[in-house]
Amino acid sequence: MNPLRVEIEAALAAAGCQPLHRFGQHFMVDERALAAISGAAGTRTVEIGPGTGILTRRLLDRGGRVLAVEIDHGLAAWLRTSLVPRGLDLVEGDCLAAKDRLHPAIEAFAAEGPWTLCANLPYDVAIPAILNACALPQPPTAIMVTVQWECAVRLGSKPGDDGWGASAAVLRACGSARILRRLAPGCFLPPPRVDSAILAVTPERALPAGFPVWCRQLFAYRRKVLVRALRDAGVARETAEAACAAVGLDPARRIENLDSPELIALHAALREVPAA
């Protein structure tokens, strides 16, 4: 039997817990995947959803500071007993303070200096956790996480791909993303019904203030031409036309065909063009 599976089952029993569907808990039982994720950690690392601490212990073994955010009350209690004495900084709560914000403890941690995000992310928080991390004034120097396969493909897409949308546009505006490995359901306990992926994200630049929210609003009209989409998003026609002209964008192009640099330029131009 897989020794990691035995270890996790023993920890769950000792904690009096079981995997909870509402928290998207699928614990990693693949040693190669754990090594890949922990290998990307820097001297200061955030982990979201530590669970029984199977990845957390490997992060702590690297000698850096680790801040872990766990929403499950029972597993948080277990971690206080098992890993906080080893130096783990533990926060019990939701990693998302709101749709567009990470937990204040993560934001404070990020503001203190360079950091990395390494985690086996619950599927339902994966995209907002990654994008909110990239949108911070000091984004992580590296992100190495597991996400649902379809999520990884979407985040790595480009204009013209079926998955191209606001999430991919924001991520490409910040840096680059690549899939390192596809993970079968058997890599987790309990196994999910879909494949997963190890996703590596390299943030290379800070995002303009307000860009992620604006981008999501604009892509709600993804199939419309520029001026019409901007008008539907609340921009006056004269302002939309002036902004397009300022950055050399054909107003007849559709939102879904714009690349991240074009979107950033348009976002900046809309801030500079006097409102009609």
C-alpha atoms as a PDB file:
ATOM      1  CA  MET A   1       0.000   0.000   0.000  1.00  0.00           C
ATOM      2  CA  ASN A   2       1.115   3.547  -0.693  1.00  0.00           C
ATOM      3  CA  PRO A   3       2.925   4.728   2.490  1.00  0.00           C
ATOM      4  CA  LEU A   4       1.678   8.295   1.976  1.00  0.00           C
ATOM      5  CA  ARG A   5      -1.893   7.014   1.929  1.00  0.00           C
ATOM      6  CA  VAL A   6      -1.271   5.153   5.182  1.00  0.00           C
ATOM      7  CA  GLU A   7       0.265   8.264   6.726  1.00  0.00           C
ATOM      8  CA  ILE A   8      -2.652  10.478   5.738  1.00  0.00           C
ATOM      9  CA  GLU A   9      -5.274   7.994   6.888  1.00  0.00           C
ATOM     10  CA  ALA A  10      -3.497   7.696  10.250  1.00  0.00           C
ATOM     11  CA  ALA A  11      -3.356  11.484  10.622  1.00  0.00           C
ATOM     12  CA  LEU A  12      -7.042  11.834   9.761  1.00  0.00           C
ATOM     13  CA  ALA A  13      -7.942   9.180  12.298  1.00  0.00           C
ATOM     14  CA  ALA A  14      -5.828  10.826  14.987  1.00  0.00           C
ATOM     15  CA  ALA A  15      -7.422  14.178  14.237  1.00  0.00           C
ATOM     16  CA  GLY A  16     -10.915  12.680  14.199  1.00  0.00           C
ATOM     17  CA  CYS A  17     -11.451  14.025  10.688  1.00  0.00           C
ATOM     18  CA  GLN A  18     -12.380  12.800   7.246  1.00  0.00           C
ATOM     19  CA  PRO A  19     -12.064  14.417   3.783  1.00  0.00           C
ATOM     20  CA  LEU A  20     -14.827  16.980   3.352  1.00  0.00           C
ATOM     21  CA  HIS A  21     -16.344  17.556  -0.065  1.00  0.00           C
ATOM     22  CA  ARG A  22     -17.412  21.119   0.790  1.00  0.00           C
ATOM     23  CA  PHE A  23     -13.771  22.083   1.282  1.00  0.00           C
ATOM     24  CA  GLY A  24     -12.602  20.253  -1.838  1.00  0.00           C
ATOM     25  CA  GLN A  25     -10.224  18.066   0.161  1.00  0.00           C
ATOM     26  CA  HIS A  26      -8.196  15.631  -1.930  1.00  0.00           C
ATOM     27  CA  PHE A  27      -4.924  14.877  -0.159  1.00  0.00           C
ATOM     28  CA  MET A  28      -1.756  14.317  -2.186  1.00  0.00           C
ATOM     29  CA  VAL A  29      -0.384  10.755  -2.137  1.00  0.00           C
ATOM     30  CA  ASP A  30       2.143  11.104  -4.986  1.00  0.00           C
ATOM     31  CA  GLU A  31       5.734  11.538  -3.811  1.00  0.00           C
ATOM     32  CA  ARG A  32       6.989  12.953  -7.125  1.00  0.00           C
ATOM     33  CA  ALA A  33       4.293  15.615  -7.124  1.00  0.00           C
ATOM     34  CA  LEU A  34       5.063  16.573  -3.527  1.00  0.00           C
ATOM     35  CA  ALA A  35       8.758  16.858  -4.381  1.00  0.00           C
ATOM     36  CA  ALA A  36       8.024  19.068  -7.397  1.00  0.00           C
ATOM     37  CA  ILE A  37       5.802  21.443  -5.413  1.00  0.00           C
ATOM     38  CA  SER A  38       8.040  21.697  -2.353  1.00  0.00           C
ATOM     39  CA  GLY A  39      11.108  22.099  -4.575  1.00  0.00           C
ATOM     40  CA  ALA A  40       9.830  25.467  -5.775  1.00  0.00           C
ATOM     41  CA  ALA A  41       9.614  26.914  -2.262  1.00  0.00           C
ATOM     42  CA  GLY A  42      11.763  29.873  -1.327  1.00  0.00           C
ATOM     43  CA  THR A  43      12.806  31.094   2.098  1.00  0.00           C
ATOM     44  CA  ARG A  44       9.260  32.368   2.745  1.00  0.00           C
ATOM     45  CA  THR A  45       6.340  30.275   1.526  1.00  0.00           C
ATOM     46  CA  VAL A  46       2.552  30.364   1.713  1.00  0.00           C
ATOM     47  CA  GLU A  47       0.603  27.110   1.613  1.00  0.00           C
ATOM     48  CA  ILE A  48      -3.165  27.096   1.133  1.00  0.00           C
ATOM     49  CA  GLY A  49      -5.030  24.055   2.406  1.00  0.00           C
ATOM     50  CA  PRO A  50      -2.277  22.167   4.268  1.00  0.00           C
ATOM     51  CA  GLY A  51      -4.690  19.443   5.384  1.00  0.00           C
ATOM     52  CA  THR A  52      -2.813  16.791   7.343  1.00  0.00           C
ATOM     53  CA  GLY A  53       0.510  18.532   6.656  1.00  0.00           C
ATOM     54  CA  ILE A  54       1.898  16.047   4.151  1.00  0.00           C
ATOM     55  CA  LEU A  55       3.310  18.862   1.986  1.00  0.00           C
ATOM     56  CA  THR A  56       3.801  21.235   4.897  1.00  0.00           C
ATOM     57  CA  ARG A  57       6.398  18.985   6.513  1.00  0.00           C
ATOM     58  CA  ARG A  58       8.431  18.971   3.311  1.00  0.00           C
ATOM     59  CA  LEU A  59       8.257  22.759   3.144  1.00  0.00           C
ATOM     60  CA  LEU A  60       9.394  23.062   6.767  1.00  0.00           C
ATOM     61  CA  ASP A  61      12.236  20.609   6.112  1.00  0.00           C
ATOM     62  CA  ARG A  62      13.669  23.117   3.636  1.00  0.00           C
ATOM     63  CA  GLY A  63      14.335  25.458   6.546  1.00  0.00           C
ATOM     64  CA  GLY A  64      12.306  28.464   5.468  1.00  0.00           C
ATOM     65  CA  ARG A  65       9.334  30.195   7.036  1.00  0.00           C
ATOM     66  CA  VAL A  66       5.962  28.687   6.141  1.00  0.00           C
ATOM     67  CA  LEU A  67       2.567  30.349   6.538  1.00  0.00           C
ATOM     68  CA  ALA A  68      -0.292  27.863   6.116  1.00  0.00           C
ATOM     69  CA  VAL A  69      -3.984  28.782   5.882  1.00  0.00           C
ATOM     70  CA  GLU A  70      -6.442  26.001   6.763  1.00  0.00           C
ATOM     71  CA  ILE A  71     -10.225  26.361   6.732  1.00  0.00           C
ATOM     72  CA  ASP A  72     -11.016  22.995   8.341  1.00  0.00           C
ATOM     73  CA  HIS A  73     -11.335  23.427  12.114  1.00  0.00           C
ATOM     74  CA  GLY A  74     -10.421  19.811  12.905  1.00  0.00           C
ATOM     75  CA  LEU A  75      -7.324  19.773  10.707  1.00  0.00           C
ATOM     76  CA  ALA A  76      -6.253  23.186  11.989  1.00  0.00           C
ATOM     77  CA  ALA A  77      -6.350  21.750  15.514  1.00  0.00           C
ATOM     78  CA  TRP A  78      -4.272  18.792  14.334  1.00  0.00           C
ATOM     79  CA  LEU A  79      -1.675  21.083  12.755  1.00  0.00           C
ATOM     80  CA  ARG A  80      -1.410  23.145  15.943  1.00  0.00           C
ATOM     81  CA  THR A  81      -0.370  20.001  17.751  1.00  0.00           C
ATOM     82  CA  SER A  82       1.788  18.386  15.085  1.00  0.00           C
ATOM     83  CA  LEU A  83       3.488  21.183  13.109  1.00  0.00           C
ATOM     84  CA  VAL A  84       3.131  24.525  14.890  1.00  0.00           C
ATOM     85  CA  PRO A  85       5.719  23.315  17.447  1.00  0.00           C
ATOM     86  CA  ARG A  86       8.071  22.828  14.500  1.00  0.00           C
ATOM     87  CA  GLY A  87       7.747  26.504  13.551  1.00  0.00           C
ATOM     88  CA  LEU A  88       4.704  26.529  11.267  1.00  0.00           C
ATOM     89  CA  ASP A  89       2.792  29.829  11.144  1.00  0.00           C
ATOM     90  CA  LEU A  90      -0.820  28.655  11.040  1.00  0.00           C
ATOM     91  CA  VAL A  91      -3.912  30.689  10.235  1.00  0.00           C
ATOM     92  CA  GLU A  92      -7.333  29.086  10.590  1.00  0.00           C
ATOM     93  CA  GLY A  93      -9.766  30.495   8.079  1.00  0.00           C
ATOM     94  CA  ASP A  94     -10.633  30.946   4.420  1.00  0.00           C
ATOM     95  CA  CYS A  95      -7.730  31.841   2.141  1.00  0.00           C
ATOM     96  CA  LEU A  96     -10.046  34.326   0.418  1.00  0.00           C
ATOM     97  CA  ALA A  97     -11.220  37.358   2.367  1.00  0.00           C
ATOM     98  CA  ALA A  98     -13.395  38.193  -0.662  1.00  0.00           C
ATOM     99  CA  LYS A  99     -13.569  37.264  -4.317  1.00  0.00           C
ATOM    100  CA  ASP A 100     -10.860  39.803  -5.106  1.00  0.00           C
ATOM    101  CA  ARG A 101      -8.763  39.552  -1.948  1.00  0.00           C
ATOM    102  CA  LEU A 102      -6.652  36.997  -0.161  1.00  0.00           C
ATOM    103  CA  HIS A 103      -6.769  36.505   3.588  1.00  0.00           C
ATOM    104  CA  PRO A 104      -5.221  39.547   5.346  1.00  0.00           C
ATOM    105  CA  ALA A 105      -2.551  37.291   6.857  1.00  0.00           C
ATOM    106  CA  ILE A 106      -1.365  36.311   3.363  1.00  0.00           C
ATOM    107  CA  GLU A 107      -1.372  39.937   2.212  1.00  0.00           C
ATOM    108  CA  ALA A 108       0.667  40.969   5.261  1.00  0.00           C
ATOM    109  CA  PHE A 109       3.095  38.087   4.724  1.00  0.00           C
ATOM    110  CA  ALA A 110       3.560  39.062   1.070  1.00  0.00           C
ATOM    111  CA  ALA A 111       4.218  42.696   1.974  1.00  0.00           C
ATOM    112  CA  GLU A 112       7.152  41.710   4.190  1.00  0.00           C
ATOM    113  CA  GLY A 113       9.371  40.510   1.354  1.00  0.00           C
ATOM    114  CA  PRO A 114       9.877  37.939  -1.421  1.00  0.00           C
ATOM    115  CA  TRP A 115       7.682  34.868  -1.100  1.00  0.00           C
ATOM    116  CA  THR A 116       6.455  31.801  -2.952  1.00  0.00           C
ATOM    117  CA  LEU A 117       3.079  30.077  -3.152  1.00  0.00           C
ATOM    118  CA  CYS A 118       3.255  26.269  -3.016  1.00  0.00           C
ATOM    119  CA  ALA A 119       0.094  24.253  -2.470  1.00  0.00           C
ATOM    120  CA  ASN A 120      -2.219  21.436  -3.416  1.00  0.00           C
ATOM    121  CA  LEU A 121      -5.043  23.880  -4.031  1.00  0.00           C
ATOM    122  CA  PRO A 122      -8.710  23.000  -3.501  1.00  0.00           C
ATOM    123  CA  TYR A 123     -10.335  23.234  -6.930  1.00  0.00           C
ATOM    124  CA  ASP A 124     -12.950  25.840  -6.012  1.00  0.00           C
ATOM    125  CA  VAL A 125     -10.404  28.438  -4.820  1.00  0.00           C
ATOM    126  CA  ALA A 126      -7.612  27.723  -7.299  1.00  0.00           C
ATOM    127  CA  ILE A 127      -8.201  30.484  -9.859  1.00  0.00           C
ATOM    128  CA  PRO A 128      -9.024  33.311  -7.409  1.00  0.00           C
ATOM    129  CA  ALA A 129      -6.126  32.294  -5.145  1.00  0.00           C
ATOM    130  CA  ILE A 130      -3.631  32.381  -8.022  1.00  0.00           C
ATOM    131  CA  LEU A 131      -4.929  35.583  -9.603  1.00  0.00           C
ATOM    132  CA  ASN A 132      -5.260  37.436  -6.301  1.00  0.00           C
ATOM    133  CA  ALA A 133      -1.693  36.466  -5.434  1.00  0.00           C
ATOM    134  CA  CYS A 134      -0.501  37.814  -8.791  1.00  0.00           C
ATOM    135  CA  ALA A 135      -2.447  41.049  -8.248  1.00  0.00           C
ATOM    136  CA  LEU A 136      -0.706  41.905  -4.970  1.00  0.00           C
ATOM    137  CA  PRO A 137       1.727  44.842  -4.953  1.00  0.00           C
ATOM    138  CA  GLN A 138       4.431  42.257  -4.299  1.00  0.00           C
ATOM    139  CA  PRO A 139       3.365  39.068  -6.116  1.00  0.00           C
ATOM    140  CA  PRO A 140       5.098  35.782  -5.346  1.00  0.00           C
ATOM    141  CA  THR A 141       8.384  35.122  -7.080  1.00  0.00           C
ATOM    142  CA  ALA A 142       7.081  31.654  -8.010  1.00  0.00           C
ATOM    143  CA  ILE A 143       3.830  29.729  -7.826  1.00  0.00           C
ATOM    144  CA  MET A 144       3.822  25.920  -7.891  1.00  0.00           C
ATOM    145  CA  VAL A 145       0.400  24.409  -7.306  1.00  0.00           C
ATOM    146  CA  THR A 146      -1.921  21.590  -8.252  1.00  0.00           C
ATOM    147  CA  VAL A 147      -5.161  22.543  -9.964  1.00  0.00           C
ATOM    148  CA  GLN A 148      -7.865  20.808 -11.986  1.00  0.00           C
ATOM    149  CA  TRP A 149      -6.587  19.889 -15.461  1.00  0.00           C
ATOM    150  CA  GLU A 150      -9.142  22.056 -17.266  1.00  0.00           C
ATOM    151  CA  CYS A 151      -8.201  24.976 -15.015  1.00  0.00           C
ATOM    152  CA  ALA A 152      -4.515  24.590 -15.896  1.00  0.00           C
ATOM    153  CA  VAL A 153      -5.307  24.493 -19.618  1.00  0.00           C
ATOM    154  CA  ARG A 154      -7.485  27.594 -19.319  1.00  0.00           C
ATOM    155  CA  LEU A 155      -4.886  29.583 -17.383  1.00  0.00           C
ATOM    156  CA  GLY A 156      -2.226  28.705 -19.944  1.00  0.00           C
ATOM    157  CA  SER A 157      -4.321  29.624 -22.978  1.00  0.00           C
ATOM    158  CA  LYS A 158      -3.735  32.493 -25.410  1.00  0.00           C
ATOM    159  CA  PRO A 159      -5.909  34.527 -27.804  1.00  0.00           C
ATOM    160  CA  GLY A 160      -7.596  32.195 -30.252  1.00  0.00           C
ATOM    161  CA  ASP A 161      -7.702  29.265 -27.826  1.00  0.00           C
ATOM    162  CA  ASP A 162     -11.044  28.014 -26.542  1.00  0.00           C
ATOM    163  CA  GLY A 163      -9.977  28.738 -22.971  1.00  0.00           C
ATOM    164  CA  TRP A 164      -8.907  32.331 -23.576  1.00  0.00           C
ATOM    165  CA  GLY A 165     -10.697  34.680 -21.219  1.00  0.00           C
ATOM    166  CA  ALA A 166     -10.232  37.087 -18.345  1.00  0.00           C
ATOM    167  CA  SER A 167      -8.341  34.639 -16.105  1.00  0.00           C
ATOM    168  CA  ALA A 168      -5.767  33.763 -18.756  1.00  0.00           C
ATOM    169  CA  ALA A 169      -5.465  37.408 -19.820  1.00  0.00           C
ATOM    170  CA  VAL A 170      -4.730  38.543 -16.258  1.00  0.00           C
ATOM    171  CA  LEU A 171      -2.185  35.777 -15.741  1.00  0.00           C
ATOM    172  CA  ARG A 172      -0.399  36.523 -19.034  1.00  0.00           C
ATOM    173  CA  ALA A 173      -0.365  40.199 -18.094  1.00  0.00           C
ATOM    174  CA  CYS A 174       1.494  39.267 -14.922  1.00  0.00           C
ATOM    175  CA  GLY A 175       3.850  36.613 -16.259  1.00  0.00           C
ATOM    176  CA  SER A 176       3.815  33.098 -17.668  1.00  0.00           C
ATOM    177  CA  ALA A 177       2.288  29.737 -16.812  1.00  0.00           C
ATOM    178  CA  ARG A 178       3.154  26.200 -17.863  1.00  0.00           C
ATOM    179  CA  ILE A 179       1.886  22.739 -17.035  1.00  0.00           C
ATOM    180  CA  LEU A 180       4.606  20.518 -15.583  1.00  0.00           C
ATOM    181  CA  ARG A 181       2.700  17.270 -15.258  1.00  0.00           C
ATOM    182  CA  ARG A 182      -0.748  15.740 -15.579  1.00  0.00           C
ATOM    183  CA  LEU A 183      -1.940  13.958 -12.428  1.00  0.00           C
ATOM    184  CA  ALA A 184      -4.373  11.045 -12.496  1.00  0.00           C
ATOM    185  CA  PRO A 185      -7.105  10.795  -9.830  1.00  0.00           C
ATOM    186  CA  GLY A 186      -5.097   8.081  -8.069  1.00  0.00           C
ATOM    187  CA  CYS A 187      -2.524  10.684  -7.028  1.00  0.00           C
ATOM    188  CA  PHE A 188      -5.006  11.900  -4.395  1.00  0.00           C
ATOM    189  CA  LEU A 189      -6.972  10.579  -1.423  1.00  0.00           C
ATOM    190  CA  PRO A 190      -9.887  10.450  -2.007  1.00  0.00           C
ATOM    191  CA  PRO A 191      -9.447  10.424  -5.801  1.00  0.00           C
ATOM    192  CA  PRO A 192     -11.309  13.239  -7.582  1.00  0.00           C
ATOM    193  CA  ARG A 193     -13.432  12.501 -10.630  1.00  0.00           C
ATOM    194  CA  VAL A 194     -11.154  14.490 -12.933  1.00  0.00           C
ATOM    195  CA  ASP A 195      -7.470  14.741 -13.749  1.00  0.00           C
ATOM    196  CA  SER A 196      -5.323  17.428 -12.171  1.00  0.00           C
ATOM    197  CA  ALA A 197      -2.103  19.199 -13.120  1.00  0.00           C
ATOM    198  CA  ILE A 198       0.971  20.689 -11.527  1.00  0.00           C
ATOM    199  CA  LEU A 199       0.961  24.294 -12.703  1.00  0.00           C
ATOM    200  CA  ALA A 200       4.039  26.511 -12.518  1.00  0.00           C
ATOM    201  CA  VAL A 201       3.442  30.263 -12.691  1.00  0.00           C
ATOM    202  CA  THR A 202       6.249  32.798 -12.894  1.00  0.00           C
ATOM    203  CA  PRO A 203       5.063  36.336 -12.104  1.00  0.00           C
ATOM    204  CA  GLU A 204       7.351  38.797 -13.870  1.00  0.00           C
ATOM    205  CA  ARG A 205       5.663  42.150 -13.334  1.00  0.00           C
ATOM    206  CA  ALA A 206       3.132  43.816 -11.069  1.00  0.00           C
ATOM    207  CA  LEU A 207      -0.369  44.229 -12.453  1.00  0.00           C
ATOM    208  CA  PRO A 208      -1.844  47.726 -12.871  1.00  0.00           C
ATOM    209  CA  ALA A 209      -4.222  48.633 -10.055  1.00  0.00           C
ATOM    210  CA  GLY A 210      -7.756  47.538 -10.843  1.00  0.00           C
ATOM    211  CA  PHE A 211      -6.772  45.594 -13.964  1.00  0.00           C
ATOM    212  CA  PRO A 212      -8.070  42.128 -12.909  1.00  0.00           C
ATOM    213  CA  VAL A 213     -11.540  43.422 -11.985  1.00  0.00           C
ATOM    214  CA  TRP A 214     -11.735  45.557 -15.143  1.00  0.00           C
ATOM    215  CA  CYS A 215     -10.632  42.631 -17.271  1.00  0.00           C
ATOM    216  CA  ARG A 216     -13.360  40.370 -15.875  1.00  0.00           C
ATOM    217  CA  GLN A 217     -15.967  43.061 -16.498  1.00  0.00           C
ATOM    218  CA  LEU A 218     -14.795  43.542 -20.077  1.00  0.00           C
ATOM    219  CA  PHE A 219     -14.718  39.829 -20.915  1.00  0.00           C
ATOM    220  CA  ALA A 220     -18.374  39.588 -19.977  1.00  0.00           C
ATOM    221  CA  TYR A 221     -18.776  41.049 -23.490  1.00  0.00           C
ATOM    222  CA  ARG A 222     -16.002  38.987 -25.037  1.00  0.00           C
ATOM    223  CA  ARG A 223     -17.675  38.467 -28.423  1.00  0.00           C
ATOM    224  CA  LYS A 224     -18.541  42.125 -28.953  1.00  0.00           C
ATOM    225  CA  VAL A 225     -16.440  44.681 -30.800  1.00  0.00           C
ATOM    226  CA  LEU A 226     -14.327  47.015 -28.704  1.00  0.00           C
ATOM    227  CA  VAL A 227     -16.395  50.186 -28.598  1.00  0.00           C
ATOM    228  CA  ARG A 228     -19.665  48.306 -28.049  1.00  0.00           C
ATOM    229  CA  ALA A 229     -18.141  46.165 -25.303  1.00  0.00           C
ATOM    230  CA  LEU A 230     -16.714  49.219 -23.546  1.00  0.00           C
ATOM    231  CA  ARG A 231     -20.061  50.977 -23.777  1.00  0.00           C
ATOM    232  CA  ASP A 232     -21.810  47.961 -22.245  1.00  0.00           C
ATOM    233  CA  ALA A 233     -19.174  48.032 -19.493  1.00  0.00           C
ATOM    234  CA  GLY A 234     -20.165  51.627 -18.690  1.00  0.00           C
ATOM    235  CA  VAL A 235     -17.736  53.672 -20.809  1.00  0.00           C
ATOM    236  CA  ALA A 236     -19.071  56.544 -22.915  1.00  0.00           C
ATOM    237  CA  ARG A 237     -18.720  56.073 -26.680  1.00  0.00           C
ATOM    238  CA  GLU A 238     -16.479  59.136 -27.106  1.00  0.00           C
ATOM    239  CA  THR A 239     -14.175  57.943 -24.334  1.00  0.00           C
ATOM    240  CA  ALA A 240     -14.036  54.399 -25.748  1.00  0.00           C
ATOM    241  CA  GLU A 241     -13.220  55.659 -29.245  1.00  0.00           C
ATOM    242  CA  ALA A 242     -10.553  58.014 -27.937  1.00  0.00           C
ATOM    243  CA  ALA A 243      -8.912  55.279 -25.866  1.00  0.00           C
ATOM    244  CA  CYS A 244      -8.820  52.882 -28.823  1.00  0.00           C
ATOM    245  CA  ALA A 245      -7.289  55.585 -31.009  1.00  0.00           C
ATOM    246  CA  ALA A 246      -4.711  56.451 -28.338  1.00  0.00           C
ATOM    247  CA  VAL A 247      -3.290  52.916 -28.328  1.00  0.00           C
ATOM    248  CA  GLY A 248      -3.840  52.147 -32.006  1.00  0.00           C
ATOM    249  CA  LEU A 249      -6.546  49.519 -31.594  1.00  0.00           C
ATOM    250  CA  ASP A 250      -9.101  48.945 -34.335  1.00  0.00           C
ATOM    251  CA  PRO A 251     -12.460  49.603 -32.629  1.00  0.00           C
ATOM    252  CA  ALA A 252     -13.975  46.816 -34.751  1.00  0.00           C
ATOM    253  CA  ARG A 253     -11.843  44.139 -33.109  1.00  0.00           C
ATOM    254  CA  ARG A 254     -13.508  41.813 -30.648  1.00  0.00           C
ATOM    255  CA  ILE A 255     -12.549  41.604 -26.987  1.00  0.00           C
ATOM    256  CA  GLU A 256     -11.790  37.877 -27.259  1.00  0.00           C
ATOM    257  CA  ASN A 257      -9.031  38.623 -29.806  1.00  0.00           C
ATOM    258  CA  LEU A 258      -7.058  41.066 -27.645  1.00  0.00           C
ATOM    259  CA  ASP A 259      -3.802  39.916 -26.051  1.00  0.00           C
ATOM    260  CA  SER A 260      -2.707  40.949 -22.572  1.00  0.00           C
ATOM    261  CA  PRO A 261      -0.374  43.805 -23.625  1.00  0.00           C
ATOM    262  CA  GLU A 262      -3.203  45.305 -25.675  1.00  0.00           C
ATOM    263  CA  LEU A 263      -5.604  44.999 -22.762  1.00  0.00           C
ATOM    264  CA  ILE A 264      -3.122  46.661 -20.398  1.00  0.00           C
ATOM    265  CA  ALA A 265      -2.603  49.508 -22.866  1.00  0.00           C
ATOM    266  CA  LEU A 266      -6.356  49.968 -23.269  1.00  0.00           C
ATOM    267  CA  HIS A 267      -6.884  49.918 -19.507  1.00  0.00           C
ATOM    268  CA  ALA A 268      -4.238  52.620 -19.071  1.00  0.00           C
ATOM    269  CA  ALA A 269      -5.666  54.727 -21.907  1.00  0.00           C
ATOM    270  CA  LEU A 270      -9.138  54.678 -20.409  1.00  0.00           C
ATOM    271  CA  ARG A 271      -7.684  56.152 -17.232  1.00  0.00           C
ATOM    272  CA  GLU A 272      -5.954  58.937 -19.144  1.00  0.00           C
ATOM    273  CA  VAL A 273      -8.655  59.909 -21.624  1.00  0.00           C
ATOM    274  CA  PRO A 274     -10.987  62.537 -20.140  1.00  0.00           C
ATOM    275  CA  ALA A 275     -14.440  61.089 -19.496  1.00  0.00           C
ATOM    276  CA  ALA A 276     -17.122  62.300 -21.889  1.00  0.00           C
END
